[in-house]
Amino acid sequence: MALVIASCDNDDWKPGTPSSPDGEKVYFSDENENNFVLALNDDKIELIITRDDATEEADIPVMVASPIEGMFTGAETVTFAAGEREATYTVTVSDAMLPFQSYKFSVIIPEKYTAAYQYDENSLSPRIDITVLKEDFAVVGTGLYNDPILFEQSWPQDIEYSPMLGLYRLPNLIVRDTPIYFHFAYNEEGEQEFYFTDSEGKHVTKMATGYVYGSYGMITMGIFEEKGLGYDEEDIPEGYVGQFYFYAEYSVTQGSFGEGWETMNVSEWYEKPWATDNAEGNEPK
C-alpha cells in the first residue's frame, strides 16, 4: 500500500494568528449549552462569554460561523464593562429555519484574544459548537408515570403534544431528554387509535430508553400491542382524570428485565388535543 502525502508550495504558506499568553484570556465556559430546542417563534440564543482580567472595559471580536449564510448572525463584538468578567452574547436565528430539522453553527473568539495552552476541552474553550432544533411541542397535561418493572417506582411526567406532527410524547420517560412518542386519537366510529411511534410518526413497537445498563448496553422498551393498550377516564385511580396503559417489556440484547403493565396517570389536562384537532370524529361516542 502506498502512502500519499500532499504538499504545498512554501510560497503559499501563511501562519495562523497565534494565541496570546498576555491577551484578554476570553473563553466560553461549560455553563453554556451546546444543544438548543426552540419554540417556533423563538429567534434568539444567548451565550455567556467569560474573561479572566476584568480590570478595564473591553470590546472583544466574535465570529459566528454557519454553513448556511444568514441562518445565524450576531454582533461583531461583545462588550465587557470595567469590572465585569461575564458578558452575554446574543445569536439571532433566521425565520427561514425549518421546524424539526437540526442546524449547526459555531461561535468563535479569535486566537489573539485567547490564552495559549490554558484551555480544558471539557470546561473552557475559545470556540463553542451549537446544534439547534425548532419544534412546536408544548405541555398539554401532567401526571405520574408508574413503572412496576424496571425501577419499580413512580415519578412526575409531563405530556407534550405537537400540532404539526399530530404526536404526543413523554419527554423524560427514564433518561432526561430521551422521550417516547405516541399517536392518540378517536376515529369516526369513536374508537381509540393509540400506538407508539418514532420522532417522525412511524409506528414502532420497540424504543430505546436512553438508559445504558453497564456493559449490557442500551435498555429498550418493547410494546405488546396484542395484550391491549389504551386511555381510560373511568376505571382509574382516585385523584386522576385519565390513564394511559400499555403492556411492556424492558430488555437488553442478553435478556429481559421483566414485563407488565405500565401506566401514565394524568392528574390534569391543560388541553385535550384530540378534542380540537380534525374538527369531527375525535371524541368518544
Protein backbone atom coordinates (compact mmCIF):
# COMPACT_ATOMS: atom_id res chain seq x y z
CA MET A 1 0.00 0.00 0.00
CA ALA A 2 1.41 3.40 -0.94
CA LEU A 3 1.19 6.39 1.37
CA VAL A 4 0.43 9.60 -0.48
CA ILE A 5 1.40 12.86 1.18
CA ALA A 6 0.13 16.09 -0.29
CA SER A 7 2.47 19.05 -0.22
CA CYS A 8 2.19 22.71 -0.99
CA ASP A 9 4.50 25.40 -2.24
CA ASN A 10 6.26 27.16 0.65
CA ASP A 11 5.49 30.47 -1.01
CA ASP A 12 1.76 29.84 -0.45
CA TRP A 13 2.07 29.05 3.24
CA LYS A 14 0.95 31.66 5.75
CA PRO A 15 0.99 31.25 9.53
CA GLY A 16 -2.22 31.49 11.52
CA THR A 17 -2.74 34.14 14.16
CA PRO A 18 -1.18 32.87 17.39
CA SER A 19 -2.97 32.98 20.72
CA SER A 20 -1.57 35.50 23.14
CA PRO A 21 -0.26 34.45 26.58
CA ASP A 22 -0.68 38.08 27.64
CA GLY A 23 -4.06 38.56 25.95
CA GLU A 24 -7.52 39.03 27.35
CA LYS A 25 -7.96 35.29 28.09
CA VAL A 26 -11.53 35.23 26.82
CA TYR A 27 -13.47 31.97 26.57
CA PHE A 28 -16.81 30.15 26.72
CA SER A 29 -17.41 28.35 29.99
CA ASP A 30 -19.13 24.99 30.44
CA GLU A 31 -22.22 26.81 31.76
CA ASN A 32 -23.25 27.25 28.13
CA GLU A 33 -25.46 24.66 26.46
CA ASN A 34 -24.41 23.04 23.19
CA ASN A 35 -27.90 21.90 22.21
CA PHE A 36 -30.93 24.18 21.98
CA VAL A 37 -34.56 23.30 21.34
CA LEU A 38 -36.53 26.40 20.40
CA ALA A 39 -40.22 27.13 20.07
CA LEU A 40 -41.35 28.13 16.58
CA ASN A 41 -41.40 31.85 17.43
CA ASP A 42 -38.06 31.90 19.27
CA ASP A 43 -35.38 33.82 17.39
CA LYS A 44 -32.60 34.33 19.95
CA ILE A 45 -29.91 32.19 21.57
CA GLU A 46 -27.89 33.68 24.42
CA LEU A 47 -24.38 32.58 25.34
CA ILE A 48 -22.13 33.60 28.21
CA ILE A 49 -18.59 34.72 27.34
CA THR A 50 -16.08 34.97 30.20
CA ARG A 51 -12.71 36.66 30.67
CA ASP A 52 -10.03 36.36 33.34
CA ASP A 53 -8.89 40.00 33.52
CA ALA A 54 -11.85 42.24 34.30
CA THR A 55 -9.88 45.39 35.09
CA GLU A 56 -10.84 47.51 32.10
CA GLU A 57 -13.71 47.89 29.66
CA ALA A 58 -13.12 45.82 26.55
CA ASP A 59 -14.69 45.08 23.18
CA ILE A 60 -13.77 41.57 22.04
CA PRO A 61 -14.33 40.43 18.44
CA VAL A 62 -16.61 37.42 17.99
CA MET A 63 -17.29 35.39 14.84
CA VAL A 64 -20.40 33.36 14.04
CA ALA A 65 -19.73 30.57 11.53
CA SER A 66 -22.61 28.76 9.83
CA PRO A 67 -22.74 26.51 6.74
CA ILE A 68 -25.91 28.36 5.74
CA GLU A 69 -25.29 32.05 5.17
CA GLY A 70 -27.54 34.30 7.24
CA MET A 71 -29.14 31.49 9.22
CA PHE A 72 -27.35 32.51 12.45
CA THR A 73 -25.96 36.00 12.99
CA GLY A 74 -24.52 38.02 15.85
CA ALA A 75 -22.73 41.24 16.69
CA GLU A 76 -19.11 41.58 15.60
CA THR A 77 -18.02 42.26 19.20
CA VAL A 78 -19.03 41.51 22.76
CA THR A 79 -18.57 44.32 25.30
CA PHE A 80 -17.29 43.87 28.85
CA ALA A 81 -17.77 46.75 31.26
CA ALA A 82 -14.92 47.55 33.64
CA GLY A 83 -15.00 45.02 36.48
CA GLU A 84 -17.23 42.65 34.52
CA ARG A 85 -15.96 39.08 34.00
CA GLU A 86 -19.02 37.81 32.10
CA ALA A 87 -20.98 39.20 29.17
CA THR A 88 -23.98 37.92 27.25
CA TYR A 89 -23.63 37.35 23.53
CA THR A 90 -26.84 37.02 21.51
CA VAL A 91 -27.15 34.99 18.32
CA THR A 92 -30.16 35.79 16.13
CA VAL A 93 -31.89 32.85 14.43
CA SER A 94 -33.35 33.41 10.97
CA ASP A 95 -37.06 32.82 10.44
CA ALA A 96 -36.02 30.69 7.45
CA MET A 97 -35.11 27.89 9.85
CA LEU A 98 -37.40 24.92 9.24
CA PRO A 99 -39.04 23.07 12.15
CA PHE A 100 -37.91 19.57 13.14
CA GLN A 101 -34.60 19.91 11.31
CA SER A 102 -31.28 20.17 13.14
CA TYR A 103 -28.97 23.05 12.28
CA LYS A 104 -25.37 23.64 13.38
CA PHE A 105 -23.22 26.71 13.83
CA SER A 106 -20.17 27.82 15.81
CA VAL A 107 -19.24 30.95 17.74
CA ILE A 108 -15.52 31.69 17.81
CA ILE A 109 -13.24 34.06 19.68
CA PRO A 110 -10.18 34.97 17.56
CA GLU A 111 -6.85 33.49 18.71
CA LYS A 112 -5.44 36.91 19.54
CA TYR A 113 -7.83 37.17 22.49
CA THR A 114 -7.39 33.65 23.82
CA ALA A 115 -4.89 32.11 26.20
CA ALA A 116 -2.37 29.67 24.77
CA TYR A 117 -2.39 26.15 26.21
CA GLN A 118 -4.75 27.09 29.04
CA TYR A 119 -8.00 25.57 27.81
CA ASP A 120 -9.62 22.39 29.02
CA GLU A 121 -11.87 20.97 26.29
CA ASN A 122 -14.32 19.81 28.95
CA SER A 123 -14.76 23.18 30.67
CA LEU A 124 -13.18 26.17 28.91
CA SER A 125 -12.94 26.87 25.20
CA PRO A 126 -12.43 29.79 22.78
CA ARG A 127 -15.00 28.14 20.50
CA ILE A 128 -18.43 26.66 21.03
CA ASP A 129 -20.32 24.42 18.59
CA ILE A 130 -24.11 24.64 18.74
CA THR A 131 -26.89 22.39 17.47
CA VAL A 132 -30.37 23.94 17.20
CA LEU A 133 -33.80 22.42 16.61
CA LYS A 134 -37.14 24.21 16.34
CA GLU A 135 -40.35 22.39 17.26
CA ASP A 136 -43.92 23.07 18.36
CA PHE A 137 -44.23 20.51 21.16
CA ALA A 138 -45.92 22.06 24.19
CA VAL A 139 -47.04 20.67 27.55
CA VAL A 140 -50.74 19.74 27.42
CA GLY A 141 -51.02 17.61 30.57
CA THR A 142 -49.17 16.30 33.59
CA GLY A 143 -49.30 13.38 35.97
CA LEU A 144 -47.45 10.39 37.37
CA TYR A 145 -45.71 7.67 35.39
CA ASN A 146 -45.80 4.23 37.00
CA ASP A 147 -43.08 1.68 36.26
CA PRO A 148 -43.52 -1.61 38.18
CA ILE A 149 -40.96 -3.43 36.00
CA LEU A 150 -37.57 -1.78 35.61
CA PHE A 151 -37.26 0.58 38.58
CA GLU A 152 -40.45 -0.33 40.48
CA GLN A 153 -41.08 3.37 41.04
CA SER A 154 -43.33 6.24 40.00
CA TRP A 155 -42.26 9.75 39.03
CA PRO A 156 -43.81 13.03 37.76
CA GLN A 157 -44.12 13.20 33.98
CA ASP A 158 -45.45 15.84 31.60
CA ILE A 159 -47.33 15.05 28.41
CA GLU A 160 -46.44 17.14 25.36
CA TYR A 161 -48.16 17.48 22.00
CA SER A 162 -47.11 18.73 18.56
CA PRO A 163 -49.97 20.00 16.34
CA MET A 164 -47.65 19.94 13.32
CA LEU A 165 -46.77 16.28 13.76
CA GLY A 166 -50.00 15.18 15.42
CA LEU A 167 -47.89 13.35 18.02
CA TYR A 168 -47.71 13.17 21.79
CA ARG A 169 -44.58 12.49 23.77
CA LEU A 170 -43.43 11.80 27.30
CA PRO A 171 -40.31 14.00 27.26
CA ASN A 172 -38.29 12.48 30.12
CA LEU A 173 -39.55 8.94 30.48
CA ILE A 174 -36.46 7.38 32.10
CA VAL A 175 -33.50 9.48 30.98
CA ARG A 176 -33.80 13.25 30.74
CA ASP A 177 -34.40 14.46 27.17
CA THR A 178 -34.94 10.92 25.87
CA PRO A 179 -38.68 10.95 25.03
CA ILE A 180 -41.05 8.31 23.78
CA TYR A 181 -43.62 9.33 21.17
CA PHE A 182 -47.14 8.11 20.55
CA HIS A 183 -50.21 8.74 18.42
CA PHE A 184 -53.59 9.02 20.10
CA ALA A 185 -56.96 9.96 18.57
CA TYR A 186 -60.54 8.79 18.10
CA ASN A 187 -61.72 7.72 14.68
CA GLU A 188 -65.13 8.48 13.17
CA GLU A 189 -66.63 5.47 14.93
CA GLY A 190 -65.39 6.74 18.28
CA GLU A 191 -62.76 4.03 18.56
CA GLN A 192 -59.36 4.81 20.01
CA GLU A 193 -56.25 4.92 17.85
CA PHE A 194 -53.27 4.53 20.17
CA TYR A 195 -49.80 3.36 19.17
CA PHE A 196 -46.18 4.29 19.75
CA THR A 197 -44.05 5.97 17.08
CA ASP A 198 -40.60 7.27 16.34
CA SER A 199 -39.97 11.03 16.28
CA GLU A 200 -41.34 11.25 12.72
CA GLY A 201 -44.59 9.41 13.43
CA LYS A 202 -43.67 5.96 12.11
CA HIS A 203 -45.42 3.14 14.02
CA VAL A 204 -42.95 1.24 16.24
CA THR A 205 -43.20 -1.42 18.94
CA LYS A 206 -39.70 -1.08 20.39
CA MET A 207 -37.95 2.07 21.61
CA ALA A 208 -34.60 2.96 23.14
CA THR A 209 -35.00 4.30 26.68
CA GLY A 210 -31.70 6.19 26.72
CA TYR A 211 -30.60 4.16 29.77
CA VAL A 212 -27.36 2.23 29.29
CA TYR A 213 -27.01 -0.72 31.68
CA GLY A 214 -23.26 -1.10 32.11
CA SER A 215 -21.61 -3.39 29.58
CA TYR A 216 -25.00 -4.83 28.57
CA GLY A 217 -25.81 -1.71 26.59
CA MET A 218 -29.00 0.20 25.86
CA ILE A 219 -32.22 -0.86 27.58
CA THR A 220 -35.16 -0.94 25.19
CA MET A 221 -38.89 -0.90 25.85
CA GLY A 222 -40.95 -3.31 23.79
CA ILE A 223 -44.73 -2.89 23.48
CA PHE A 224 -47.04 -5.94 23.35
CA GLU A 225 -49.95 -4.42 21.42
CA GLU A 226 -51.82 -7.72 21.32
CA LYS A 227 -52.25 -7.57 25.12
CA GLY A 228 -54.01 -4.23 24.82
CA LEU A 229 -53.27 -0.55 25.24
CA GLY A 230 -55.49 2.49 25.58
CA TYR A 231 -56.73 5.50 27.51
CA ASP A 232 -59.39 5.42 30.23
CA GLU A 233 -61.18 8.16 32.19
CA GLU A 234 -63.47 5.94 34.27
CA ASP A 235 -61.75 2.95 35.85
CA ILE A 236 -58.74 4.87 37.13
CA PRO A 237 -57.03 5.60 40.47
CA GLU A 238 -58.62 8.24 42.69
CA GLY A 239 -57.32 11.75 42.21
CA TYR A 240 -56.65 11.40 38.48
CA VAL A 241 -58.61 12.46 35.41
CA GLY A 242 -57.29 9.87 32.97
CA GLN A 243 -54.89 6.98 32.47
CA PHE A 244 -52.86 5.68 29.52
CA TYR A 245 -51.97 1.99 29.87
CA PHE A 246 -49.92 -0.47 27.86
CA TYR A 247 -48.13 -3.78 28.35
CA ALA A 248 -44.36 -3.51 28.01
CA GLU A 249 -41.08 -5.36 28.43
CA TYR A 250 -37.70 -3.86 29.29
CA SER A 251 -34.73 -5.73 27.86
CA VAL A 252 -31.15 -5.71 26.62
CA THR A 253 -29.68 -7.96 23.95
CA GLN A 254 -28.72 -10.57 26.56
CA GLY A 255 -32.17 -10.86 28.16
CA SER A 256 -35.24 -9.35 29.79
CA PHE A 257 -35.74 -7.33 32.97
CA GLY A 258 -39.39 -8.35 33.01
CA GLU A 259 -42.74 -7.37 31.56
CA GLY A 260 -46.04 -5.97 32.79
CA TRP A 261 -48.48 -3.07 32.68
CA GLU A 262 -47.06 0.44 32.57
CA THR A 263 -49.38 3.39 33.18
CA MET A 264 -49.34 7.15 32.80
CA ASN A 265 -51.85 8.58 35.29
CA VAL A 266 -52.98 12.04 34.21
CA SER A 267 -53.66 14.41 37.09
CA GLU A 268 -54.57 17.37 34.86
CA TRP A 269 -55.16 18.13 31.20
CA TYR A 270 -54.32 21.72 30.28
CA GLU A 271 -55.64 20.94 26.83
CA LYS A 272 -57.05 17.82 25.19
CA PRO A 273 -55.67 17.97 21.64
CA TRP A 274 -57.94 15.21 20.37
CA ALA A 275 -60.92 17.41 21.28
CA THR A 276 -59.75 20.20 18.97
CA ASP A 277 -57.93 18.51 16.08
CA ASN A 278 -59.70 17.43 12.90
CA ALA A 279 -62.98 19.05 13.96
CA GLU A 280 -65.03 15.85 13.99
CA GLY A 281 -64.70 12.19 14.87
CA ASN A 282 -62.23 12.66 17.67
CA GLU A 283 -64.36 12.38 20.82
CA PRO A 284 -65.51 9.01 22.19
CA LYS A 285 -69.10 8.14 21.45
